Amino acid sequence: MSKNTKKTSSTLATLAAETLNNPNASAIAKSLAASALSQTGTDKQTSAHMEEKAGKALQSDKCSEETKSLAASVLSQANKERGN
């Protein structure tokens, strides 16, 4: 199985931390932020469940640009073989 070695950047990790500390952030934003932070400095990959959630966020007209940035980061760290 091929391993995706991408990691969350420090800029995105900062956005994720700010999102988690924001009482007005949506549940989806917080979920994506937690996933992105959990992949900072590790070889962890995005779960299939989070891939689906991130994909829906990217397609939604209701999600903010910050949420979509978190979603894109989470998807970029997904298992390469699962997307085939």
PDB file of N, CA and C in Angstrom:
ATOM      1  N   MET A   1       0.841  -1.178   0.000  1.00  0.00           N
ATOM      2  CA  MET A   1       0.000   0.000   0.000  1.00  0.00           C
ATOM      3  C   MET A   1       0.887   1.242   0.000  1.00  0.00           C
ATOM      4  N   SER A   2       0.592   2.185  -0.843  1.00  0.00           N
ATOM      5  CA  SER A   2       1.386   3.395  -0.939  1.00  0.00           C
ATOM      6  C   SER A   2       1.026   4.348   0.198  1.00  0.00           C
ATOM      7  N   LYS A   3       2.024   5.010   0.703  1.00  0.00           N
ATOM      8  CA  LYS A   3       1.854   5.899   1.852  1.00  0.00           C
ATOM      9  C   LYS A   3       1.930   7.345   1.393  1.00  0.00           C
ATOM     10  N   ASN A   4       1.005   8.154   1.827  1.00  0.00           N
ATOM     11  CA  ASN A   4       1.027   9.580   1.536  1.00  0.00           C
ATOM     12  C   ASN A   4       1.811  10.247   2.660  1.00  0.00           C
ATOM     13  N   THR A   5       2.915  10.879   2.339  1.00  0.00           N
ATOM     14  CA  THR A   5       3.780  11.456   3.378  1.00  0.00           C
ATOM     15  C   THR A   5       3.577  12.956   3.565  1.00  0.00           C
ATOM     16  N   LYS A   6       2.543  13.523   2.966  1.00  0.00           N
ATOM     17  CA  LYS A   6       2.277  14.949   3.146  1.00  0.00           C
ATOM     18  C   LYS A   6       1.885  15.216   4.593  1.00  0.00           C
ATOM     19  N   LYS A   7       2.261  16.412   5.062  1.00  0.00           N
ATOM     20  CA  LYS A   7       1.943  16.814   6.434  1.00  0.00           C
ATOM     21  C   LYS A   7       1.322  18.205   6.405  1.00  0.00           C
ATOM     22  N   THR A   8       0.589  18.534   7.444  1.00  0.00           N
ATOM     23  CA  THR A   8      -0.031  19.846   7.557  1.00  0.00           C
ATOM     24  C   THR A   8       1.051  20.909   7.729  1.00  0.00           C
ATOM     25  N   SER A   9       0.962  21.983   6.951  1.00  0.00           N
ATOM     26  CA  SER A   9       1.936  23.082   7.053  1.00  0.00           C
ATOM     27  C   SER A   9       1.711  23.864   8.347  1.00  0.00           C
ATOM     28  N   SER A  10       2.715  24.636   8.740  1.00  0.00           N
ATOM     29  CA  SER A  10       2.584  25.434   9.961  1.00  0.00           C
ATOM     30  C   SER A  10       1.494  26.499   9.804  1.00  0.00           C
ATOM     31  N   THR A  11       1.349  27.038   8.604  1.00  0.00           N
ATOM     32  CA  THR A  11       0.304  28.041   8.359  1.00  0.00           C
ATOM     33  C   THR A  11      -1.079  27.434   8.543  1.00  0.00           C
ATOM     34  N   LEU A  12      -1.272  26.248   8.001  1.00  0.00           N
ATOM     35  CA  LEU A  12      -2.569  25.593   8.129  1.00  0.00           C
ATOM     36  C   LEU A  12      -2.789  25.094   9.554  1.00  0.00           C
ATOM     37  N   ALA A  13      -1.729  24.685  10.218  1.00  0.00           N
ATOM     38  CA  ALA A  13      -1.854  24.256  11.613  1.00  0.00           C
ATOM     39  C   ALA A  13      -2.310  25.429  12.479  1.00  0.00           C
ATOM     40  N   THR A  14      -1.813  26.616  12.180  1.00  0.00           N
ATOM     41  CA  THR A  14      -2.239  27.816  12.910  1.00  0.00           C
ATOM     42  C   THR A  14      -3.715  28.092  12.656  1.00  0.00           C
ATOM     43  N   LEU A  15      -4.135  27.998  11.398  1.00  0.00           N
ATOM     44  CA  LEU A  15      -5.553  28.180  11.060  1.00  0.00           C
ATOM     45  C   LEU A  15      -6.407  27.139  11.784  1.00  0.00           C
ATOM     46  N   ALA A  16      -5.938  25.911  11.824  1.00  0.00           N
ATOM     47  CA  ALA A  16      -6.683  24.840  12.498  1.00  0.00           C
ATOM     48  C   ALA A  16      -6.819  25.134  13.992  1.00  0.00           C
ATOM     49  N   ALA A  17      -5.740  25.575  14.621  1.00  0.00           N
ATOM     50  CA  ALA A  17      -5.788  25.888  16.057  1.00  0.00           C
ATOM     51  C   ALA A  17      -6.746  27.051  16.325  1.00  0.00           C
ATOM     52  N   GLU A  18      -6.693  28.071  15.473  1.00  0.00           N
ATOM     53  CA  GLU A  18      -7.602  29.209  15.623  1.00  0.00           C
ATOM     54  C   GLU A  18      -9.049  28.773  15.450  1.00  0.00           C
ATOM     55  N   THR A  19      -9.288  27.870  14.516  1.00  0.00           N
ATOM     56  CA  THR A  19     -10.642  27.365  14.274  1.00  0.00           C
ATOM     57  C   THR A  19     -11.163  26.612  15.493  1.00  0.00           C
ATOM     58  N   LEU A  20     -10.312  25.773  16.056  1.00  0.00           N
ATOM     59  CA  LEU A  20     -10.736  24.996  17.235  1.00  0.00           C
ATOM     60  C   LEU A  20     -11.034  25.898  18.437  1.00  0.00           C
ATOM     61  N   ASN A  21     -10.356  27.036  18.517  1.00  0.00           N
ATOM     62  CA  ASN A  21     -10.564  27.960  19.635  1.00  0.00           C
ATOM     63  C   ASN A  21     -11.661  28.979  19.369  1.00  0.00           C
ATOM     64  N   ASN A  22     -12.224  28.964  18.174  1.00  0.00           N
ATOM     65  CA  ASN A  22     -13.262  29.918  17.802  1.00  0.00           C
ATOM     66  C   ASN A  22     -14.642  29.369  18.184  1.00  0.00           C
ATOM     67  N   PRO A  23     -15.319  30.015  19.134  1.00  0.00           N
ATOM     68  CA  PRO A  23     -16.639  29.510  19.548  1.00  0.00           C
ATOM     69  C   PRO A  23     -17.688  29.609  18.446  1.00  0.00           C
ATOM     70  N   ASN A  24     -17.430  30.421  17.425  1.00  0.00           N
ATOM     71  CA  ASN A  24     -18.397  30.597  16.337  1.00  0.00           C
ATOM     72  C   ASN A  24     -18.127  29.676  15.150  1.00  0.00           C
ATOM     73  N   ALA A  25     -17.050  28.894  15.207  1.00  0.00           N
ATOM     74  CA  ALA A  25     -16.716  27.987  14.097  1.00  0.00           C
ATOM     75  C   ALA A  25     -17.740  26.853  14.033  1.00  0.00           C
ATOM     76  N   SER A  26     -18.035  26.430  12.818  1.00  0.00           N
ATOM     77  CA  SER A  26     -19.009  25.353  12.625  1.00  0.00           C
ATOM     78  C   SER A  26     -18.426  24.007  13.073  1.00  0.00           C
ATOM     79  N   ALA A  27     -19.300  23.058  13.263  1.00  0.00           N
ATOM     80  CA  ALA A  27     -18.871  21.713  13.666  1.00  0.00           C
ATOM     81  C   ALA A  27     -17.993  21.081  12.587  1.00  0.00           C
ATOM     82  N   ILE A  28     -18.329  21.285  11.324  1.00  0.00           N
ATOM     83  CA  ILE A  28     -17.535  20.711  10.238  1.00  0.00           C
ATOM     84  C   ILE A  28     -16.146  21.340  10.212  1.00  0.00           C
ATOM     85  N   ALA A  29     -16.071  22.658  10.428  1.00  0.00           N
ATOM     86  CA  ALA A  29     -14.776  23.343  10.447  1.00  0.00           C
ATOM     87  C   ALA A  29     -13.914  22.806  11.583  1.00  0.00           C
ATOM     88  N   LYS A  30     -14.514  22.611  12.748  1.00  0.00           N
ATOM     89  CA  LYS A  30     -13.763  22.103  13.895  1.00  0.00           C
ATOM     90  C   LYS A  30     -13.306  20.667  13.660  1.00  0.00           C
ATOM     91  N   SER A  31     -14.140  19.881  13.043  1.00  0.00           N
ATOM     92  CA  SER A  31     -13.788  18.496  12.742  1.00  0.00           C
ATOM     93  C   SER A  31     -12.609  18.430  11.765  1.00  0.00           C
ATOM     94  N   LEU A  32     -12.675  19.237  10.722  1.00  0.00           N
ATOM     95  CA  LEU A  32     -11.580  19.283   9.744  1.00  0.00           C
ATOM     96  C   LEU A  32     -10.315  19.841  10.378  1.00  0.00           C
ATOM     97  N   ALA A  33     -10.461  20.835  11.240  1.00  0.00           N
ATOM     98  CA  ALA A  33      -9.308  21.424  11.925  1.00  0.00           C
ATOM     99  C   ALA A  33      -8.622  20.387  12.812  1.00  0.00           C
ATOM    100  N   ALA A  34      -9.417  19.613  13.528  1.00  0.00           N
ATOM    101  CA  ALA A  34      -8.848  18.573  14.391  1.00  0.00           C
ATOM    102  C   ALA A  34      -8.109  17.527  13.565  1.00  0.00           C
ATOM    103  N   SER A  35      -8.670  17.160  12.444  1.00  0.00           N
ATOM    104  CA  SER A  35      -8.018  16.186  11.570  1.00  0.00           C
ATOM    105  C   SER A  35      -6.701  16.736  11.037  1.00  0.00           C
ATOM    106  N   ALA A  36      -6.724  17.984  10.583  1.00  0.00           N
ATOM    107  CA  ALA A  36      -5.508  18.605  10.058  1.00  0.00           C
ATOM    108  C   ALA A  36      -4.436  18.699  11.138  1.00  0.00           C
ATOM    109  N   LEU A  37      -4.826  19.101  12.344  1.00  0.00           N
ATOM    110  CA  LEU A  37      -3.850  19.205  13.433  1.00  0.00           C
ATOM    111  C   LEU A  37      -3.278  17.849  13.819  1.00  0.00           C
ATOM    112  N   SER A  38      -4.100  16.826  13.762  1.00  0.00           N
ATOM    113  CA  SER A  38      -3.617  15.493  14.133  1.00  0.00           C
ATOM    114  C   SER A  38      -2.580  14.977  13.137  1.00  0.00           C
ATOM    115  N   GLN A  39      -2.507  15.587  11.967  1.00  0.00           N
ATOM    116  CA  GLN A  39      -1.568  15.162  10.928  1.00  0.00           C
ATOM    117  C   GLN A  39      -0.350  16.083  10.838  1.00  0.00           C
ATOM    118  N   THR A  40      -0.229  16.991  11.799  1.00  0.00           N
ATOM    119  CA  THR A  40       0.921  17.892  11.823  1.00  0.00           C
ATOM    120  C   THR A  40       2.118  17.155  12.406  1.00  0.00           C
ATOM    121  N   GLY A  41       3.177  17.062  11.635  1.00  0.00           N
ATOM    122  CA  GLY A  41       4.405  16.446  12.122  1.00  0.00           C
ATOM    123  C   GLY A  41       4.337  14.935  12.287  1.00  0.00           C
ATOM    124  N   THR A  42       3.359  14.293  11.661  1.00  0.00           N
ATOM    125  CA  THR A  42       3.243  12.833  11.754  1.00  0.00           C
ATOM    126  C   THR A  42       3.041  12.245  10.359  1.00  0.00           C
ATOM    127  N   ASP A  43       3.042  10.933  10.289  1.00  0.00           N
ATOM    128  CA  ASP A  43       2.761  10.249   9.028  1.00  0.00           C
ATOM    129  C   ASP A  43       1.314   9.766   8.955  1.00  0.00           C
ATOM    130  N   LYS A  44       0.463  10.275   9.849  1.00  0.00           N
ATOM    131  CA  LYS A  44      -0.943   9.861   9.831  1.00  0.00           C
ATOM    132  C   LYS A  44      -1.588  10.267   8.514  1.00  0.00           C
ATOM    133  N   GLN A  45      -2.532   9.449   8.077  1.00  0.00           N
ATOM    134  CA  GLN A  45      -3.276   9.740   6.852  1.00  0.00           C
ATOM    135  C   GLN A  45      -4.743   9.957   7.199  1.00  0.00           C
ATOM    136  N   THR A  46      -5.420  10.663   6.330  1.00  0.00           N
ATOM    137  CA  THR A  46      -6.836  10.951   6.504  1.00  0.00           C
ATOM    138  C   THR A  46      -7.667   9.676   6.386  1.00  0.00           C
ATOM    139  N   SER A  47      -8.643   9.534   7.279  1.00  0.00           N
ATOM    140  CA  SER A  47      -9.534   8.377   7.230  1.00  0.00           C
ATOM    141  C   SER A  47     -10.538   8.541   6.095  1.00  0.00           C
ATOM    142  N   ALA A  48     -11.143   7.442   5.698  1.00  0.00           N
ATOM    143  CA  ALA A  48     -12.155   7.483   4.635  1.00  0.00           C
ATOM    144  C   ALA A  48     -13.323   8.378   5.043  1.00  0.00           C
ATOM    145  N   HIS A  49     -13.695   8.334   6.313  1.00  0.00           N
ATOM    146  CA  HIS A  49     -14.801   9.153   6.818  1.00  0.00           C
ATOM    147  C   HIS A  49     -14.467  10.641   6.671  1.00  0.00           C
ATOM    148  N   MET A  50     -13.256  11.029   7.028  1.00  0.00           N
ATOM    149  CA  MET A  50     -12.855  12.432   6.923  1.00  0.00           C
ATOM    150  C   MET A  50     -12.682  12.853   5.465  1.00  0.00           C
ATOM    151  N   GLU A  51     -12.253  11.924   4.619  1.00  0.00           N
ATOM    152  CA  GLU A  51     -12.167  12.227   3.179  1.00  0.00           C
ATOM    153  C   GLU A  51     -13.542  12.629   2.648  1.00  0.00           C
ATOM    154  N   GLU A  52     -14.544  11.861   3.025  1.00  0.00           N
ATOM    155  CA  GLU A  52     -15.917  12.136   2.568  1.00  0.00           C
ATOM    156  C   GLU A  52     -16.399  13.488   3.096  1.00  0.00           C
ATOM    157  N   LYS A  53     -16.135  13.747   4.378  1.00  0.00           N
ATOM    158  CA  LYS A  53     -16.545  15.004   5.001  1.00  0.00           C
ATOM    159  C   LYS A  53     -15.856  16.199   4.333  1.00  0.00           C
ATOM    160  N   ALA A  54     -14.567  16.054   4.063  1.00  0.00           N
ATOM    161  CA  ALA A  54     -13.801  17.131   3.426  1.00  0.00           C
ATOM    162  C   ALA A  54     -14.290  17.374   2.001  1.00  0.00           C
ATOM    163  N   GLY A  55     -14.588  16.298   1.288  1.00  0.00           N
ATOM    164  CA  GLY A  55     -15.105  16.438  -0.076  1.00  0.00           C
ATOM    165  C   GLY A  55     -16.421  17.186  -0.114  1.00  0.00           C
ATOM    166  N   LYS A  56     -17.294  16.886   0.826  1.00  0.00           N
ATOM    167  CA  LYS A  56     -18.583  17.577   0.899  1.00  0.00           C
ATOM    168  C   LYS A  56     -18.393  19.052   1.244  1.00  0.00           C
ATOM    169  N   ALA A  57     -17.441  19.341   2.123  1.00  0.00           N
ATOM    170  CA  ALA A  57     -17.176  20.735   2.499  1.00  0.00           C
ATOM    171  C   ALA A  57     -16.684  21.532   1.299  1.00  0.00           C
ATOM    172  N   LEU A  58     -15.813  20.919   0.502  1.00  0.00           N
ATOM    173  CA  LEU A  58     -15.287  21.611  -0.673  1.00  0.00           C
ATOM    174  C   LEU A  58     -16.381  21.911  -1.703  1.00  0.00           C
ATOM    175  N   GLN A  59     -17.387  21.065  -1.773  1.00  0.00           N
ATOM    176  CA  GLN A  59     -18.461  21.245  -2.745  1.00  0.00           C
ATOM    177  C   GLN A  59     -19.592  22.140  -2.236  1.00  0.00           C
ATOM    178  N   SER A  60     -19.583  22.436  -0.948  1.00  0.00           N
ATOM    179  CA  SER A  60     -20.662  23.203  -0.341  1.00  0.00           C
ATOM    180  C   SER A  60     -20.511  24.706  -0.587  1.00  0.00           C
ATOM    181  N   ASP A  61     -21.632  25.354  -0.875  1.00  0.00           N
ATOM    182  CA  ASP A  61     -21.645  26.804  -1.010  1.00  0.00           C
ATOM    183  C   ASP A  61     -21.708  27.482   0.356  1.00  0.00           C
ATOM    184  N   LYS A  62     -22.006  26.702   1.395  1.00  0.00           N
ATOM    185  CA  LYS A  62     -22.188  27.256   2.735  1.00  0.00           C
ATOM    186  C   LYS A  62     -20.879  27.342   3.531  1.00  0.00           C
ATOM    187  N   CYS A  63     -19.866  26.611   3.115  1.00  0.00           N
ATOM    188  CA  CYS A  63     -18.606  26.589   3.868  1.00  0.00           C
ATOM    189  C   CYS A  63     -17.744  27.796   3.517  1.00  0.00           C
ATOM    190  N   SER A  64     -17.060  28.320   4.534  1.00  0.00           N
ATOM    191  CA  SER A  64     -16.167  29.468   4.341  1.00  0.00           C
ATOM    192  C   SER A  64     -14.888  29.034   3.615  1.00  0.00           C
ATOM    193  N   GLU A  65     -14.144  30.018   3.159  1.00  0.00           N
ATOM    194  CA  GLU A  65     -12.869  29.735   2.490  1.00  0.00           C
ATOM    195  C   GLU A  65     -11.890  29.069   3.464  1.00  0.00           C
ATOM    196  N   GLU A  66     -11.946  29.456   4.738  1.00  0.00           N
ATOM    197  CA  GLU A  66     -11.073  28.843   5.745  1.00  0.00           C
ATOM    198  C   GLU A  66     -11.404  27.361   5.898  1.00  0.00           C
ATOM    199  N   THR A  67     -12.693  27.060   5.954  1.00  0.00           N
ATOM    200  CA  THR A  67     -13.121  25.659   6.078  1.00  0.00           C
ATOM    201  C   THR A  67     -12.692  24.876   4.849  1.00  0.00           C
ATOM    202  N   LYS A  68     -12.811  25.470   3.679  1.00  0.00           N
ATOM    203  CA  LYS A  68     -12.405  24.795   2.447  1.00  0.00           C
ATOM    204  C   LYS A  68     -10.890  24.590   2.404  1.00  0.00           C
ATOM    205  N   SER A  69     -10.117  25.512   2.967  1.00  0.00           N
ATOM    206  CA  SER A  69      -8.667  25.335   3.041  1.00  0.00           C
ATOM    207  C   SER A  69      -8.319  24.148   3.935  1.00  0.00           C
ATOM    208  N   LEU A  70      -9.012  24.041   5.056  1.00  0.00           N
ATOM    209  CA  LEU A  70      -8.797  22.899   5.947  1.00  0.00           C
ATOM    210  C   LEU A  70      -9.182  21.600   5.242  1.00  0.00           C
ATOM    211  N   ALA A  71     -10.298  21.630   4.530  1.00  0.00           N
ATOM    212  CA  ALA A  71     -10.763  20.439   3.812  1.00  0.00           C
ATOM    213  C   ALA A  71      -9.754  20.018   2.753  1.00  0.00           C
ATOM    214  N   ALA A  72      -9.209  20.977   2.038  1.00  0.00           N
ATOM    215  CA  ALA A  72      -8.227  20.668   0.995  1.00  0.00           C
ATOM    216  C   ALA A  72      -6.975  20.048   1.603  1.00  0.00           C
ATOM    217  N   SER A  73      -6.562  20.558   2.740  1.00  0.00           N
ATOM    218  CA  SER A  73      -5.382  20.000   3.411  1.00  0.00           C
ATOM    219  C   SER A  73      -5.638  18.555   3.837  1.00  0.00           C
ATOM    220  N   VAL A  74      -6.797  18.339   4.422  1.00  0.00           N
ATOM    221  CA  VAL A  74      -7.164  16.991   4.877  1.00  0.00           C
ATOM    222  C   VAL A  74      -7.194  16.026   3.688  1.00  0.00           C
ATOM    223  N   LEU A  75      -7.775  16.456   2.578  1.00  0.00           N
ATOM    224  CA  LEU A  75      -7.833  15.591   1.392  1.00  0.00           C
ATOM    225  C   LEU A  75      -6.458  15.334   0.798  1.00  0.00           C
ATOM    226  N   SER A  76      -5.580  16.316   0.865  1.00  0.00           N
ATOM    227  CA  SER A  76      -4.245  16.134   0.286  1.00  0.00           C
ATOM    228  C   SER A  76      -3.435  15.093   1.056  1.00  0.00           C
ATOM    229  N   GLN A  77      -3.868  14.791   2.272  1.00  0.00           N
ATOM    230  CA  GLN A  77      -3.165  13.818   3.108  1.00  0.00           C
ATOM    231  C   GLN A  77      -3.881  12.468   3.151  1.00  0.00           C
ATOM    232  N   ALA A  78      -4.770  12.269   2.204  1.00  0.00           N
ATOM    233  CA  ALA A  78      -5.528  11.023   2.139  1.00  0.00           C
ATOM    234  C   ALA A  78      -4.679   9.884   1.575  1.00  0.00           C
ATOM    235  N   ASN A  79      -5.134   8.682   1.820  1.00  0.00           N
ATOM    236  CA  ASN A  79      -4.491   7.497   1.299  1.00  0.00           C
ATOM    237  C   ASN A  79      -4.596   7.499  -0.211  1.00  0.00           C
ATOM    238  N   LYS A  80      -3.462   7.474  -0.897  1.00  0.00           N
ATOM    239  CA  LYS A  80      -3.452   7.569  -2.364  1.00  0.00           C
ATOM    240  C   LYS A  80      -4.225   6.434  -3.033  1.00  0.00           C
ATOM    241  N   GLU A  81      -4.111   5.237  -2.511  1.00  0.00           N
ATOM    242  CA  GLU A  81      -4.749   4.079  -3.151  1.00  0.00           C
ATOM    243  C   GLU A  81      -6.259   4.076  -2.972  1.00  0.00           C
ATOM    244  N   ARG A  82      -6.755   4.694  -1.902  1.00  0.00           N
ATOM    245  CA  ARG A  82      -8.179   4.687  -1.674  1.00  0.00           C
ATOM    246  C   ARG A  82      -8.890   5.524  -2.728  1.00  0.00           C
ATOM    247  N   GLY A  83      -8.229   6.519  -3.298  1.00  0.00           N
ATOM    248  CA  GLY A  83      -8.839   7.363  -4.316  1.00  0.00           C
ATOM    249  C   GLY A  83      -8.958   6.725  -5.670  1.00  0.00           C
ATOM    250  N   ASN A  84      -8.348   5.587  -5.875  1.00  0.00           N
ATOM    251  CA  ASN A  84      -8.377   4.895  -7.184  1.00  0.00           C
ATOM    252  C   ASN A  84      -9.572   4.006  -7.334  1.00  0.00           C
TER     253      ASN A  84
END
